[in-house]
Amino acid sequence: MCLSCRVSYKQPHDPWRERVCPRCAGALMYAGSAFAAPPKRDRAAWRTLTVLLHAGLGFHKTCCGGPGFRPRSLREVKERLAHARRSGEPAARALARAELP
């Protein structure tokens, strides 16, 4: 997927091969096999997605189903990042929390 172009491409994942975006020639990111791209016009969803991927959270299938909870709005992202700053919890763990304490 290319975050700057807001497009996603389904390709086999090969960690040893760097793929480039056909539109901007930037590096494509692997989001995981359970990833479903938001509509291109939904800028807030793409910003939320950018924060999640840069924090190291992907959308990988597990033995029990999907990737687990992922924030769907910028408000949820901001709440979880504020909690991480206050509590000292790693950002990736706070972003994956379904409920905040």
Protein backbone atom coordinates (compact mmCIF):
# COMPACT_ATOMS: atom_id res chain seq x y z
CA MET A 1 0.00 0.00 0.00
CA CYS A 2 1.13 3.55 -0.65
CA LEU A 3 0.11 5.95 2.11
CA SER A 4 0.90 9.10 0.15
CA CYS A 5 -1.20 8.05 -2.88
CA ARG A 6 -3.86 6.39 -0.67
CA VAL A 7 -3.96 3.21 -2.75
CA SER A 8 -3.63 -0.44 -1.92
CA TYR A 9 -2.37 -3.32 -4.06
CA LYS A 10 -2.93 -7.01 -3.29
CA GLN A 11 0.37 -8.74 -3.92
CA PRO A 12 2.08 -11.76 -2.41
CA HIS A 13 4.19 -10.67 0.57
CA ASP A 14 7.92 -11.15 0.10
CA PRO A 15 9.94 -9.52 2.91
CA TRP A 16 13.10 -9.64 0.83
CA ARG A 17 11.71 -7.75 -2.15
CA GLU A 18 11.10 -4.01 -2.02
CA ARG A 19 8.07 -2.97 -4.01
CA VAL A 20 7.45 0.53 -5.36
CA CYS A 21 4.25 2.41 -6.02
CA PRO A 22 3.42 2.57 -9.74
CA ARG A 23 2.03 6.10 -9.23
CA CYS A 24 4.73 7.89 -7.22
CA ALA A 25 7.63 5.38 -7.21
CA GLY A 26 7.69 5.52 -3.39
CA ALA A 27 8.14 2.40 -1.29
CA LEU A 28 5.00 0.33 -0.67
CA MET A 29 4.20 -0.80 2.87
CA TYR A 30 2.89 -4.23 3.78
CA ALA A 31 -0.18 -3.85 6.00
CA GLY A 32 -1.05 -7.53 6.44
CA SER A 33 -3.30 -10.13 4.91
CA ALA A 34 -6.38 -9.00 6.87
CA PHE A 35 -6.11 -5.39 5.65
CA ALA A 36 -9.04 -3.71 3.91
CA ALA A 37 -8.25 -0.28 2.47
CA PRO A 38 -10.56 2.63 3.29
CA PRO A 39 -12.02 4.65 0.42
CA LYS A 40 -9.47 6.98 -1.15
CA ARG A 41 -11.57 10.05 -0.34
CA ASP A 42 -11.68 9.21 3.40
CA ARG A 43 -8.62 11.24 4.45
CA ALA A 44 -9.23 10.78 8.19
CA ALA A 45 -9.21 6.99 7.85
CA TRP A 46 -5.94 7.14 5.89
CA ARG A 47 -4.38 9.39 8.57
CA THR A 48 -5.49 6.92 11.24
CA LEU A 49 -4.02 4.10 9.18
CA THR A 50 -0.74 5.98 8.79
CA VAL A 51 -0.41 6.36 12.58
CA LEU A 52 -1.14 2.66 13.14
CA LEU A 53 1.35 1.41 10.56
CA HIS A 54 4.12 3.76 11.67
CA ALA A 55 3.56 2.56 15.26
CA GLY A 56 4.20 -0.98 14.06
CA LEU A 57 0.61 -2.26 14.10
CA GLY A 58 -0.38 -4.29 11.10
CA PHE A 59 -3.47 -6.17 10.03
CA HIS A 60 -2.28 -9.75 10.23
CA LYS A 61 -4.53 -12.78 10.61
CA THR A 62 -4.12 -14.88 13.73
CA CYS A 63 -5.10 -18.44 14.50
CA CYS A 64 -8.27 -17.16 16.17
CA GLY A 65 -9.38 -14.70 13.50
CA GLY A 66 -8.42 -11.18 12.53
CA PRO A 67 -5.85 -8.72 13.79
CA GLY A 68 -7.76 -7.66 16.90
CA PHE A 69 -8.88 -4.16 17.81
CA ARG A 70 -7.60 -1.24 15.73
CA PRO A 71 -8.80 2.38 16.20
CA ARG A 72 -11.05 3.53 13.39
CA SER A 73 -11.04 7.27 14.03
CA LEU A 74 -8.53 9.99 14.78
CA ARG A 75 -10.32 10.64 18.09
CA GLU A 76 -9.66 7.05 19.20
CA VAL A 77 -6.02 7.35 18.11
CA LYS A 78 -5.55 10.60 20.04
CA GLU A 79 -7.15 9.15 23.19
CA ARG A 80 -4.88 6.11 23.10
CA LEU A 81 -1.73 8.09 22.38
CA ALA A 82 -2.55 10.46 25.27
CA HIS A 83 -3.00 7.43 27.52
CA ALA A 84 0.39 6.08 26.35
CA ARG A 85 2.10 9.38 27.19
CA ARG A 86 0.48 9.57 30.64
CA SER A 87 1.05 5.95 31.62
CA GLY A 88 4.37 5.26 29.91
CA GLU A 89 2.82 2.36 27.99
CA PRO A 90 4.30 1.76 24.52
CA ALA A 91 2.27 3.50 21.80
CA ALA A 92 1.69 0.28 19.83
CA ARG A 93 0.21 -1.46 22.87
CA ALA A 94 -2.01 1.51 23.72
CA LEU A 95 -3.26 1.74 20.13
CA ALA A 96 -4.23 -1.95 20.17
CA ARG A 97 -6.35 -1.56 23.35
CA ALA A 98 -10.07 -1.97 22.82
CA GLU A 99 -10.82 -0.21 26.12
CA LEU A 100 -8.79 2.37 27.99
CA PRO A 101 -8.38 1.96 31.77
